[in-house]
PDB file of N, CA and C in Angstrom:
ATOM      1  N   UNK A   1      93.747  99.260  87.053  1.00  0.00           N
ATOM      2  CA  UNK A   1      94.446  99.962  87.480  1.00  0.00           C
ATOM      3  C   UNK A   1      94.782  99.101  86.299  1.00  0.00           C
ATOM      4  N   UNK A   2      95.276 100.010  85.368  1.00  0.00           N
ATOM      5  CA  UNK A   2      96.600  99.092  84.118  1.00  0.00           C
ATOM      6  C   UNK A   2      98.410 100.088  85.346  1.00  0.00           C
ATOM      7  N   UNK A   3      99.712  98.815  84.818  1.00  0.00           N
ATOM      8  CA  UNK A   3     100.269  99.667  85.279  1.00  0.00           C
ATOM      9  C   UNK A   3     101.237 100.668  84.314  1.00  0.00           C
ATOM     10  N   UNK A   4     100.300 101.055  83.095  1.00  0.00           N
ATOM     11  CA  UNK A   4     100.918 102.614  82.792  1.00  0.00           C
ATOM     12  C   UNK A   4     100.196 103.566  82.730  1.00  0.00           C
ATOM     13  N   UNK A   5      99.285 103.583  83.671  1.00  0.00           N
ATOM     14  CA  UNK A   5      97.916 105.175  84.353  1.00  0.00           C
ATOM     15  C   UNK A   5      99.230 105.974  84.693  1.00  0.00           C
ATOM     16  N   UNK A   6      99.880 106.788  85.041  1.00  0.00           N
ATOM     17  CA  UNK A   6     100.015 107.930  85.874  1.00  0.00           C
ATOM     18  C   UNK A   6      99.371 108.235  87.360  1.00  0.00           C
ATOM     19  N   UNK A   7      99.685 108.194  87.988  1.00  0.00           N
ATOM     20  CA  UNK A   7      98.989 109.174  89.149  1.00  0.00           C
ATOM     21  C   UNK A   7      99.719 109.999  89.774  1.00  0.00           C
ATOM     22  N   UNK A   8      98.816 111.012  90.120  1.00  0.00           N
ATOM     23  CA  UNK A   8      98.837 112.277  91.086  1.00  0.00           C
ATOM     24  C   UNK A   8      97.993 111.965  91.896  1.00  0.00           C
ATOM     25  N   UNK A   9      98.443 112.515  93.299  1.00  0.00           N
ATOM     26  CA  UNK A   9      97.454 113.246  94.980  1.00  0.00           C
ATOM     27  C   UNK A   9      97.026 114.630  94.366  1.00  0.00           C
ATOM     28  N   UNK A  10      95.327 113.792  94.762  1.00  0.00           N
ATOM     29  CA  UNK A  10      94.507 115.079  94.389  1.00  0.00           C
ATOM     30  C   UNK A  10      95.018 116.390  95.369  1.00  0.00           C
ATOM     31  N   UNK A  11      94.088 117.440  94.523  1.00  0.00           N
ATOM     32  CA  UNK A  11      94.843 119.071  94.558  1.00  0.00           C
ATOM     33  C   UNK A  11      94.375 119.161  96.489  1.00  0.00           C
ATOM     34  N   UNK A  12      93.414 119.252  96.547  1.00  0.00           N
ATOM     35  CA  UNK A  12      92.803 118.773  97.646  1.00  0.00           C
ATOM     36  C   UNK A  12      92.451 118.189  99.229  1.00  0.00           C
ATOM     37  N   UNK A  13      94.246 116.948  98.666  1.00  0.00           N
ATOM     38  CA  UNK A  13      94.341 116.512  99.690  1.00  0.00           C
ATOM     39  C   UNK A  13      94.898 116.673 100.792  1.00  0.00           C
ATOM     40  N   UNK A  14      95.196 116.545 101.918  1.00  0.00           N
ATOM     41  CA  UNK A  14      96.376 117.070 103.023  1.00  0.00           C
ATOM     42  C   UNK A  14      97.352 116.284 103.472  1.00  0.00           C
ATOM     43  N   UNK A  15      98.355 116.574 103.784  1.00  0.00           N
ATOM     44  CA  UNK A  15      99.049 115.629 104.505  1.00  0.00           C
ATOM     45  C   UNK A  15     100.441 116.124 105.208  1.00  0.00           C
ATOM     46  N   UNK A  16     100.885 114.874 106.162  1.00  0.00           N
ATOM     47  CA  UNK A  16     102.220 115.363 106.639  1.00  0.00           C
ATOM     48  C   UNK A  16     102.729 114.688 107.303  1.00  0.00           C
ATOM     49  N   UNK A  17     103.976 114.707 107.254  1.00  0.00           N
ATOM     50  CA  UNK A  17     104.436 113.390 107.493  1.00  0.00           C
ATOM     51  C   UNK A  17     105.514 113.579 109.173  1.00  0.00           C
ATOM     52  N   UNK A  18     105.370 112.833 109.985  1.00  0.00           N
ATOM     53  CA  UNK A  18     106.080 113.114 111.305  1.00  0.00           C
ATOM     54  C   UNK A  18     107.521 112.666 110.998  1.00  0.00           C
ATOM     55  N   UNK A  19     107.658 113.484 112.020  1.00  0.00           N
ATOM     56  CA  UNK A  19     109.133 113.242 112.397  1.00  0.00           C
ATOM     57  C   UNK A  19     109.499 112.000 112.541  1.00  0.00           C
ATOM     58  N   UNK A  20     108.970 110.479 112.839  1.00  0.00           N
ATOM     59  CA  UNK A  20     109.192 109.335 112.816  1.00  0.00           C
ATOM     60  C   UNK A  20     108.553 108.761 111.180  1.00  0.00           C
ATOM     61  N   UNK A  21     108.453 109.338 110.543  1.00  0.00           N
ATOM     62  CA  UNK A  21     108.744 108.742 108.894  1.00  0.00           C
ATOM     63  C   UNK A  21     107.288 108.408 108.533  1.00  0.00           C
ATOM     64  N   UNK A  22     106.259 108.544 109.663  1.00  0.00           N
ATOM     65  CA  UNK A  22     105.074 107.911 109.301  1.00  0.00           C
ATOM     66  C   UNK A  22     104.056 109.252 108.440  1.00  0.00           C
ATOM     67  N   UNK A  23     103.321 108.931 108.282  1.00  0.00           N
ATOM     68  CA  UNK A  23     102.213 110.109 106.751  1.00  0.00           C
ATOM     69  C   UNK A  23     100.680 109.693 107.381  1.00  0.00           C
ATOM     70  N   UNK A  24     100.477 111.031 107.878  1.00  0.00           N
ATOM     71  CA  UNK A  24      98.866 111.392 107.703  1.00  0.00           C
ATOM     72  C   UNK A  24      98.319 111.951 106.395  1.00  0.00           C
ATOM     73  N   UNK A  25      96.969 111.610 105.823  1.00  0.00           N
ATOM     74  CA  UNK A  25      96.656 111.953 104.461  1.00  0.00           C
ATOM     75  C   UNK A  25      95.033 111.602 104.425  1.00  0.00           C
ATOM     76  N   UNK A  26      94.797 113.233 104.424  1.00  0.00           N
ATOM     77  CA  UNK A  26      93.291 113.649 104.803  1.00  0.00           C
ATOM     78  C   UNK A  26      92.360 113.702 103.745  1.00  0.00           C
ATOM     79  N   UNK A  27      91.451 113.564 102.904  1.00  0.00           N
ATOM     80  CA  UNK A  27      90.382 113.945 101.869  1.00  0.00           C
ATOM     81  C   UNK A  27      89.261 114.270 102.624  1.00  0.00           C
ATOM     82  N   UNK A  28      89.229 115.699 101.784  1.00  0.00           N
ATOM     83  CA  UNK A  28      88.173 116.501 102.263  1.00  0.00           C
ATOM     84  C   UNK A  28      86.264 115.728 101.727  1.00  0.00           C
ATOM     85  N   UNK A  29      87.179 115.428 100.596  1.00  0.00           N
ATOM     86  CA  UNK A  29      86.276 114.763  99.171  1.00  0.00           C
ATOM     87  C   UNK A  29      85.633 113.238 100.426  1.00  0.00           C
ATOM     88  N   UNK A  30      85.990 113.000 100.790  1.00  0.00           N
ATOM     89  CA  UNK A  30      85.769 111.549 101.494  1.00  0.00           C
ATOM     90  C   UNK A  30      85.518 111.512 103.090  1.00  0.00           C
ATOM     91  N   UNK A  31      86.108 112.513 103.811  1.00  0.00           N
ATOM     92  CA  UNK A  31      86.367 112.772 104.622  1.00  0.00           C
ATOM     93  C   UNK A  31      87.287 111.399 105.584  1.00  0.00           C
ATOM     94  N   UNK A  32      87.352 110.684 104.791  1.00  0.00           N
ATOM     95  CA  UNK A  32      88.443 109.775 105.342  1.00  0.00           C
ATOM     96  C   UNK A  32      89.953 109.951 105.630  1.00  0.00           C
ATOM     97  N   UNK A  33      90.791 109.442 106.405  1.00  0.00           N
ATOM     98  CA  UNK A  33      92.010 110.062 106.722  1.00  0.00           C
ATOM     99  C   UNK A  33      92.984 108.338 107.496  1.00  0.00           C
ATOM    100  N   UNK A  34      94.007 108.175 106.736  1.00  0.00           N
ATOM    101  CA  UNK A  34      94.633 107.656 106.313  1.00  0.00           C
ATOM    102  C   UNK A  34      96.167 107.771 106.597  1.00  0.00           C
ATOM    103  N   UNK A  35      96.288 106.740 108.090  1.00  0.00           N
ATOM    104  CA  UNK A  35      97.888 106.786 108.632  1.00  0.00           C
ATOM    105  C   UNK A  35      98.771 105.779 107.771  1.00  0.00           C
ATOM    106  N   UNK A  36      99.516 106.308 107.428  1.00  0.00           N
ATOM    107  CA  UNK A  36     100.558 105.459 106.399  1.00  0.00           C
ATOM    108  C   UNK A  36     101.789 104.937 107.597  1.00  0.00           C
ATOM    109  N   UNK A  37     102.268 103.922 107.382  1.00  0.00           N
ATOM    110  CA  UNK A  37     103.716 103.843 107.836  1.00  0.00           C
ATOM    111  C   UNK A  37     104.563 104.039 106.981  1.00  0.00           C
ATOM    112  N   UNK A  38     106.485 103.705 107.940  1.00  0.00           N
ATOM    113  CA  UNK A  38     106.803 105.174 106.663  1.00  0.00           C
ATOM    114  C   UNK A  38     107.226 104.145 105.629  1.00  0.00           C
ATOM    115  N   UNK A  39     107.180 102.447 105.195  1.00  0.00           N
ATOM    116  CA  UNK A  39     107.445 102.364 103.512  1.00  0.00           C
ATOM    117  C   UNK A  39     106.037 102.775 102.585  1.00  0.00           C
ATOM    118  N   UNK A  40     104.682 102.761 103.327  1.00  0.00           N
ATOM    119  CA  UNK A  40     103.687 103.516 102.770  1.00  0.00           C
ATOM    120  C   UNK A  40     103.750 105.059 102.052  1.00  0.00           C
ATOM    121  N   UNK A  41     104.222 105.738 103.498  1.00  0.00           N
ATOM    122  CA  UNK A  41     104.876 107.045 103.234  1.00  0.00           C
ATOM    123  C   UNK A  41     105.705 107.230 101.680  1.00  0.00           C
ATOM    124  N   UNK A  42     107.180 105.739 102.016  1.00  0.00           N
ATOM    125  CA  UNK A  42     107.280 106.473 100.978  1.00  0.00           C
ATOM    126  C   UNK A  42     107.468 106.371  99.599  1.00  0.00           C
ATOM    127  N   UNK A  43     106.038 105.133  99.876  1.00  0.00           N
ATOM    128  CA  UNK A  43     105.233 104.999  98.250  1.00  0.00           C
ATOM    129  C   UNK A  43     104.811 106.476  98.196  1.00  0.00           C
ATOM    130  N   UNK A  44     104.187 107.017  99.014  1.00  0.00           N
ATOM    131  CA  UNK A  44     102.876 107.998  99.031  1.00  0.00           C
ATOM    132  C   UNK A  44     104.178 109.508  97.900  1.00  0.00           C
ATOM    133  N   UNK A  45     105.579 108.995  98.255  1.00  0.00           N
ATOM    134  CA  UNK A  45     106.190 110.200  97.868  1.00  0.00           C
ATOM    135  C   UNK A  45     106.681 109.945  96.277  1.00  0.00           C
ATOM    136  N   UNK A  46     106.311 108.515  96.209  1.00  0.00           N
ATOM    137  CA  UNK A  46     106.833 108.973  94.825  1.00  0.00           C
ATOM    138  C   UNK A  46     105.501 109.006  93.425  1.00  0.00           C
ATOM    139  N   UNK A  47     104.723 109.121  93.821  1.00  0.00           N
ATOM    140  CA  UNK A  47     103.384 109.668  93.430  1.00  0.00           C
ATOM    141  C   UNK A  47     103.209 111.291  92.812  1.00  0.00           C
ATOM    142  N   UNK A  48     103.427 111.111  91.751  1.00  0.00           N
ATOM    143  CA  UNK A  48     104.542 112.966  91.307  1.00  0.00           C
ATOM    144  C   UNK A  48     103.272 113.441  90.348  1.00  0.00           C
ATOM    145  N   UNK A  49     102.549 112.614  89.450  1.00  0.00           N
ATOM    146  CA  UNK A  49     102.070 113.188  88.664  1.00  0.00           C
ATOM    147  C   UNK A  49     102.662 112.602  86.916  1.00  0.00           C
ATOM    148  N   UNK A  50     104.054 112.289  86.878  1.00  0.00           N
ATOM    149  CA  UNK A  50     104.517 112.005  85.905  1.00  0.00           C
ATOM    150  C   UNK A  50     104.882 110.459  86.168  1.00  0.00           C
ATOM    151  N   UNK A  51     105.430 109.696  87.148  1.00  0.00           N
ATOM    152  CA  UNK A  51     105.464 108.190  86.270  1.00  0.00           C
ATOM    153  C   UNK A  51     103.970 107.156  86.125  1.00  0.00           C
ATOM    154  N   UNK A  52     104.523 106.484  86.473  1.00  0.00           N
ATOM    155  CA  UNK A  52     103.158 105.890  85.627  1.00  0.00           C
ATOM    156  C   UNK A  52     103.682 104.242  86.976  1.00  0.00           C
ATOM    157  N   UNK A  53     102.941 103.855  87.392  1.00  0.00           N
ATOM    158  CA  UNK A  53     102.157 102.790  87.958  1.00  0.00           C
ATOM    159  C   UNK A  53     103.727 101.405  88.142  1.00  0.00           C
ATOM    160  N   UNK A  54     104.061 101.378  87.193  1.00  0.00           N
ATOM    161  CA  UNK A  54     105.110 100.699  86.700  1.00  0.00           C
ATOM    162  C   UNK A  54     106.517 101.105  86.708  1.00  0.00           C
ATOM    163  N   UNK A  55     106.251 102.853  86.746  1.00  0.00           N
ATOM    164  CA  UNK A  55     107.965 103.179  87.464  1.00  0.00           C
ATOM    165  C   UNK A  55     107.555 103.443  88.971  1.00  0.00           C
ATOM    166  N   UNK A  56     106.641 103.160  89.248  1.00  0.00           N
ATOM    167  CA  UNK A  56     106.223 103.571  90.793  1.00  0.00           C
ATOM    168  C   UNK A  56     106.821 102.410  91.502  1.00  0.00           C
ATOM    169  N   UNK A  57     106.323 101.812  90.485  1.00  0.00           N
ATOM    170  CA  UNK A  57     106.753  99.864  91.513  1.00  0.00           C
ATOM    171  C   UNK A  57     107.668  99.952  91.269  1.00  0.00           C
ATOM    172  N   UNK A  58     108.779  99.863  90.593  1.00  0.00           N
ATOM    173  CA  UNK A  58     110.028 100.213  90.278  1.00  0.00           C
ATOM    174  C   UNK A  58     111.460 100.529  91.271  1.00  0.00           C
ATOM    175  N   UNK A  59     110.622 102.644  90.856  1.00  0.00           N
ATOM    176  CA  UNK A  59     111.452 102.794  92.345  1.00  0.00           C
ATOM    177  C   UNK A  59     111.408 102.218  93.695  1.00  0.00           C
ATOM    178  N   UNK A  60     109.757 102.040  93.999  1.00  0.00           N
ATOM    179  CA  UNK A  60     109.872 101.790  95.026  1.00  0.00           C
ATOM    180  C   UNK A  60     110.756 100.320  95.197  1.00  0.00           C
ATOM    181  N   UNK A  61     110.549  99.302  94.827  1.00  0.00           N
ATOM    182  CA  UNK A  61     111.385  98.448  94.861  1.00  0.00           C
ATOM    183  C   UNK A  61     112.963  98.378  94.729  1.00  0.00           C
ATOM    184  N   UNK A  62     113.033  99.468  93.902  1.00  0.00           N
ATOM    185  CA  UNK A  62     114.374  99.931  93.761  1.00  0.00           C
ATOM    186  C   UNK A  62     115.202 100.346  95.530  1.00  0.00           C
ATOM    187  N   UNK A  63     114.330 100.754  96.356  1.00  0.00           N
ATOM    188  CA  UNK A  63     114.764 101.346  97.540  1.00  0.00           C
ATOM    189  C   UNK A  63     115.261 100.611  98.319  1.00  0.00           C
ATOM    190  N   UNK A  64     115.103  99.028  98.835  1.00  0.00           N
ATOM    191  CA  UNK A  64     114.815  98.202  99.022  1.00  0.00           C
ATOM    192  C   UNK A  64     116.037  96.907  98.301  1.00  0.00           C
ATOM    193  N   UNK A  65     116.035  96.337  99.735  1.00  0.00           N
ATOM    194  CA  UNK A  65     117.087  94.905  99.343  1.00  0.00           C
ATOM    195  C   UNK A  65     115.769  94.080  99.859  1.00  0.00           C
ATOM    196  N   UNK A  66     115.661  93.484  98.423  1.00  0.00           N
ATOM    197  CA  UNK A  66     114.715  91.676  98.269  1.00  0.00           C
ATOM    198  C   UNK A  66     115.563  91.220  98.342  1.00  0.00           C
ATOM    199  N   UNK A  67     115.301  89.603  98.949  1.00  0.00           N
ATOM    200  CA  UNK A  67     116.417  88.721  99.010  1.00  0.00           C
ATOM    201  C   UNK A  67     116.044  88.046  97.554  1.00  0.00           C
ATOM    202  N   UNK A  68     114.981  87.427  96.661  1.00  0.00           N
ATOM    203  CA  UNK A  68     114.755  86.414  95.632  1.00  0.00           C
ATOM    204  C   UNK A  68     113.599  87.441  95.641  1.00  0.00           C
ATOM    205  N   UNK A  69     112.931  86.695  93.833  1.00  0.00           N
ATOM    206  CA  UNK A  69     112.260  87.524  92.927  1.00  0.00           C
ATOM    207  C   UNK A  69     110.699  87.087  94.130  1.00  0.00           C
ATOM    208  N   UNK A  70     110.665  85.948  94.319  1.00  0.00           N
ATOM    209  CA  UNK A  70     109.200  86.092  95.341  1.00  0.00           C
ATOM    210  C   UNK A  70     109.146  87.350  96.090  1.00  0.00           C
ATOM    211  N   UNK A  71     109.826  87.517  96.721  1.00  0.00           N
ATOM    212  CA  UNK A  71     109.696  88.560  97.761  1.00  0.00           C
ATOM    213  C   UNK A  71     109.753  89.955  96.702  1.00  0.00           C
ATOM    214  N   UNK A  72     110.306  89.607  95.331  1.00  0.00           N
ATOM    215  CA  UNK A  72     110.454  90.924  95.179  1.00  0.00           C
ATOM    216  C   UNK A  72     109.063  90.910  94.527  1.00  0.00           C
ATOM    217  N   UNK A  73     108.899  90.250  93.883  1.00  0.00           N
ATOM    218  CA  UNK A  73     106.734  89.475  93.230  1.00  0.00           C
ATOM    219  C   UNK A  73     105.373  90.572  94.742  1.00  0.00           C
ATOM    220  N   UNK A  74     106.199  89.922  95.448  1.00  0.00           N
ATOM    221  CA  UNK A  74     104.763  89.393  97.085  1.00  0.00           C
ATOM    222  C   UNK A  74     105.158  91.499  97.108  1.00  0.00           C
ATOM    223  N   UNK A  75     106.106  92.453  96.809  1.00  0.00           N
ATOM    224  CA  UNK A  75     105.913  93.796  97.442  1.00  0.00           C
ATOM    225  C   UNK A  75     105.463  94.977  96.093  1.00  0.00           C
ATOM    226  N   UNK A  76     105.822  93.940  94.654  1.00  0.00           N
ATOM    227  CA  UNK A  76     105.054  94.644  93.367  1.00  0.00           C
ATOM    228  C   UNK A  76     103.411  94.550  93.686  1.00  0.00           C
ATOM    229  N   UNK A  77     103.118  93.234  94.437  1.00  0.00           N
ATOM    230  CA  UNK A  77     102.258  93.524  94.959  1.00  0.00           C
ATOM    231  C   UNK A  77     100.709  93.720  96.117  1.00  0.00           C
ATOM    232  N   UNK A  78     102.016  94.460  97.114  1.00  0.00           N
ATOM    233  CA  UNK A  78     102.108  94.530  98.232  1.00  0.00           C
ATOM    234  C   UNK A  78     101.594  96.437  97.615  1.00  0.00           C
ATOM    235  N   UNK A  79     102.873  96.631  96.541  1.00  0.00           N
ATOM    236  CA  UNK A  79     102.238  98.330  95.983  1.00  0.00           C
ATOM    237  C   UNK A  79     101.138  98.779  96.106  1.00  0.00           C
ATOM    238  N   UNK A  80     101.062  97.751  94.587  1.00  0.00           N
ATOM    239  CA  UNK A  80      99.599  97.581  94.033  1.00  0.00           C
ATOM    240  C   UNK A  80      97.672  97.933  94.274  1.00  0.00           C
ATOM    241  N   UNK A  81      98.432  97.696  95.669  1.00  0.00           N
ATOM    242  CA  UNK A  81      97.044  96.645  97.090  1.00  0.00           C
ATOM    243  C   UNK A  81      96.919  98.118  97.829  1.00  0.00           C
ATOM    244  N   UNK A  82      98.337  98.715  98.087  1.00  0.00           N
ATOM    245  CA  UNK A  82      98.265 100.499  98.405  1.00  0.00           C
ATOM    246  C   UNK A  82      97.789 101.465  97.375  1.00  0.00           C
ATOM    247  N   UNK A  83      98.519 101.052  96.241  1.00  0.00           N
ATOM    248  CA  UNK A  83      97.730 102.437  95.223  1.00  0.00           C
ATOM    249  C   UNK A  83      96.148 101.996  95.289  1.00  0.00           C
ATOM    250  N   UNK A  84      95.658 100.863  95.281  1.00  0.00           N
ATOM    251  CA  UNK A  84      94.497 101.058  94.973  1.00  0.00           C
ATOM    252  C   UNK A  84      93.475 101.235  96.289  1.00  0.00           C
ATOM    253  N   UNK A  85      94.037 101.121  98.057  1.00  0.00           N
ATOM    254  CA  UNK A  85      93.451 101.677  98.637  1.00  0.00           C
ATOM    255  C   UNK A  85      93.757 103.513  98.770  1.00  0.00           C
ATOM    256  N   UNK A  86      94.685 103.698  98.023  1.00  0.00           N
ATOM    257  CA  UNK A  86      94.231 104.959  97.750  1.00  0.00           C
ATOM    258  C   UNK A  86      93.947 105.916  97.093  1.00  0.00           C
ATOM    259  N   UNK A  87      93.384 105.371  96.061  1.00  0.00           N
ATOM    260  CA  UNK A  87      92.347 105.359  94.947  1.00  0.00           C
ATOM    261  C   UNK A  87      91.147 105.714  95.824  1.00  0.00           C
ATOM    262  N   UNK A  88      90.345 104.349  96.608  1.00  0.00           N
ATOM    263  CA  UNK A  88      89.895 104.079  97.608  1.00  0.00           C
ATOM    264  C   UNK A  88      89.255 105.199  97.887  1.00  0.00           C
ATOM    265  N   UNK A  89      90.648 105.734  98.827  1.00  0.00           N
ATOM    266  CA  UNK A  89      90.118 106.662 100.018  1.00  0.00           C
ATOM    267  C   UNK A  89      90.164 108.008  99.328  1.00  0.00           C
ATOM    268  N   UNK A  90      90.277 107.839  97.719  1.00  0.00           N
ATOM    269  CA  UNK A  90      89.943 109.618  96.582  1.00  0.00           C
ATOM    270  C   UNK A  90      90.942 110.007  97.780  1.00  0.00           C
ATOM    271  N   UNK A  91      91.932 110.124  97.972  1.00  0.00           N
ATOM    272  CA  UNK A  91      93.490 110.280  97.832  1.00  0.00           C
ATOM    273  C   UNK A  91      94.312 110.699  96.782  1.00  0.00           C
ATOM    274  N   UNK A  92      94.228 109.636  95.939  1.00  0.00           N
ATOM    275  CA  UNK A  92      94.751 109.952  94.052  1.00  0.00           C
ATOM    276  C   UNK A  92      93.744 109.674  93.413  1.00  0.00           C
ATOM    277  N   UNK A  93      94.349 110.679  91.886  1.00  0.00           N
ATOM    278  CA  UNK A  93      93.303 110.200  91.090  1.00  0.00           C
ATOM    279  C   UNK A  93      94.601 109.728  89.715  1.00  0.00           C
ATOM    280  N   UNK A  94      93.833 108.658  88.826  1.00  0.00           N
ATOM    281  CA  UNK A  94      94.660 108.513  87.192  1.00  0.00           C
ATOM    282  C   UNK A  94      94.767 109.848  86.561  1.00  0.00           C
ATOM    283  N   UNK A  95      95.366 110.049  85.672  1.00  0.00           N
ATOM    284  CA  UNK A  95      95.425 111.033  85.718  1.00  0.00           C
ATOM    285  C   UNK A  95      95.994 111.035  84.174  1.00  0.00           C
TER     286      UNK A  95
END
């Protein structure tokens, strides 16, 4: 996945955010259910069909206060890993 790719949530994916900040998403295409913790749910909310992966990473990193560049780089790798999982579970698609 390139950082200039634009992502969107697939139209047939059902999801709901819980009162505790977690989110549950299911793709009827794959019959996979994914429960997202609060930070992954925040990442999910940034996938709008308009922002590139690089923009999503930047917005996500802006939401948190990282202590140094190493921590920021680790967060970027985590975001890419989570997005890859969303793609693998057929919850989002590249447009």
